[in-house]
Protein backbone atom coordinates (compact mmCIF):
# COMPACT_ATOMS: atom_id res chain seq x y z
CA MET A 1 147.59 109.50 111.61
CA ALA A 2 148.99 112.69 110.10
CA THR A 3 148.00 111.42 106.65
CA SER A 4 144.40 110.87 107.79
CA GLN A 5 144.19 114.34 109.29
CA ARG A 6 145.57 115.93 106.15
CA ARG A 7 143.07 114.01 104.03
CA LEU A 8 140.13 115.19 106.11
CA GLU A 9 141.27 118.79 105.93
CA THR A 10 141.38 118.74 102.12
CA MET A 11 138.24 116.69 101.53
CA THR A 12 135.56 118.46 99.51
CA VAL A 13 131.83 117.91 99.35
CA THR A 14 132.12 116.38 95.89
CA GLU A 15 134.22 113.57 97.33
CA SER A 16 131.43 112.35 99.60
CA ALA A 17 129.39 109.27 98.78
CA PRO A 18 126.77 109.84 96.07
CA VAL A 19 123.20 110.19 97.28
CA LYS A 20 120.26 109.17 95.14
CA ALA A 21 118.10 112.16 96.02
CA GLU A 22 115.26 111.09 93.74
CA ARG A 23 114.92 107.83 95.68
CA TRP A 24 115.18 109.16 99.23
CA THR A 25 113.43 112.53 98.98
CA HIS A 26 109.96 112.60 100.52
CA GLN A 27 109.53 109.00 101.65
CA TRP A 28 105.81 109.56 102.16
CA LYS A 29 105.41 109.54 98.36
CA GLU A 30 106.68 105.98 98.12
CA LEU A 31 104.64 104.98 101.15
CA TYR A 32 101.53 106.46 99.57
CA GLU A 33 102.08 104.76 96.23
CA GLU A 34 102.86 101.33 97.65
CA VAL A 35 100.51 101.14 100.63
CA ILE A 36 97.64 103.61 100.29
CA THR A 37 96.82 103.38 96.60
CA THR A 38 96.94 99.58 96.73
CA GLY A 39 94.64 99.32 99.74
CA LEU A 40 97.26 97.76 102.01
CA CYS A 41 96.98 100.42 104.75
CA THR A 42 95.82 98.87 108.02
CA GLY A 43 95.12 102.18 109.75
CA CYS A 44 97.72 101.53 112.45
CA ALA A 45 98.90 105.18 112.27
CA GLY A 46 102.55 104.17 112.69
CA CYS A 47 103.60 106.56 109.94
CA VAL A 48 101.63 109.40 111.52
CA VAL A 49 103.09 108.90 114.98
CA THR A 50 106.71 108.57 113.87
CA CYS A 51 106.87 111.49 111.40
CA PRO A 52 109.26 114.02 113.02
CA HIS A 53 107.56 117.02 111.37
CA ASP A 54 103.94 115.84 111.61
CA VAL A 55 103.62 115.97 107.83
CA ILE A 56 101.45 112.85 107.69
CA GLY A 57 98.01 112.69 109.26
CA TYR A 58 94.82 110.68 109.13
CA GLU A 59 91.13 111.13 109.85
CA HIS A 60 89.05 108.70 111.78
CA GLU A 61 85.36 109.21 112.36
CA GLU A 62 82.95 106.51 113.37
CA GLY A 63 82.21 104.47 110.28
CA LYS A 64 84.67 106.45 108.17
CA TYR A 65 88.42 106.07 107.86
CA ILE A 66 90.55 108.19 105.56
CA PRO A 67 94.04 106.72 105.62
CA PHE A 68 97.21 108.71 105.28
CA HIS A 69 96.90 112.25 104.09
CA ILE A 70 99.37 115.09 104.03
CA GLU A 71 98.61 117.80 106.57
CA GLU A 72 97.58 120.83 104.51
CA GLU A 73 98.89 123.47 106.91
CA LEU A 74 102.35 121.90 106.95
CA GLY A 75 102.57 121.30 103.23
CA LEU A 76 104.46 118.77 101.17
CA ASP A 77 107.74 120.65 101.41
CA ASN A 78 107.94 120.16 105.18
CA CYS A 79 109.16 116.60 104.57
CA ILE A 80 112.74 117.79 104.28
CA HIS A 81 114.14 114.87 106.23
CA GLY A 82 113.76 112.62 103.20
CA GLU A 83 116.67 114.44 101.61
CA LYS A 84 118.83 113.49 104.58
CA GLY A 85 117.80 109.86 104.69
CA CYS A 86 114.89 109.91 107.13
CA THR A 87 112.74 106.87 106.55
CA THR A 88 110.72 106.90 109.76
CA CYS A 89 107.33 106.72 108.06
CA THR A 90 108.27 103.81 105.83
CA ARG A 91 110.08 101.93 108.60
CA ALA A 92 107.05 102.28 110.88
CA CYS A 93 104.68 100.86 108.29
CA PRO A 94 104.16 97.08 108.58
CA ARG A 95 103.03 96.93 104.94
CA PHE A 96 105.92 98.83 103.30
CA ARG A 97 108.98 96.63 103.02
CA LYS A 98 110.27 96.41 99.44
CA TRP A 99 112.91 99.11 100.05
CA GLU A 100 114.38 97.67 103.25
CA GLU A 101 117.57 96.18 101.78
CA ALA A 102 118.33 99.25 99.65
CA ALA A 103 117.69 101.58 102.59
CA ASP A 104 120.03 99.65 104.84
CA THR A 105 122.74 99.79 102.19
CA HIS A 106 122.20 103.51 101.64
CA LEU A 107 121.97 104.50 105.29
CA PHE A 108 124.28 102.04 107.00
CA GLY A 109 126.58 100.71 104.28
CA ARG A 110 125.57 97.09 104.84
């Protein structure tokens, strides 16, 4: 156990597991490209409800539905959780699934 404790005390940030920031930063971008631009959005609002910073929104008026937009007052940079591995918007979406295996490997090591 002394060896483990010594190892933890001398560990540096550069020794941590590599993170593919370009892949996991701002998950809403991938959600938008795969679901919204292809017309797969069902309007369920799962991504809107689960976003921890309320970055994603939608408009619904009778006879008019504008799926998935970024809330202007919050701005694109408010989606900082993507850098830390937050995938709540993509996990909530029933139409966005191509990343699932890679996300599980990245987040949970399985």
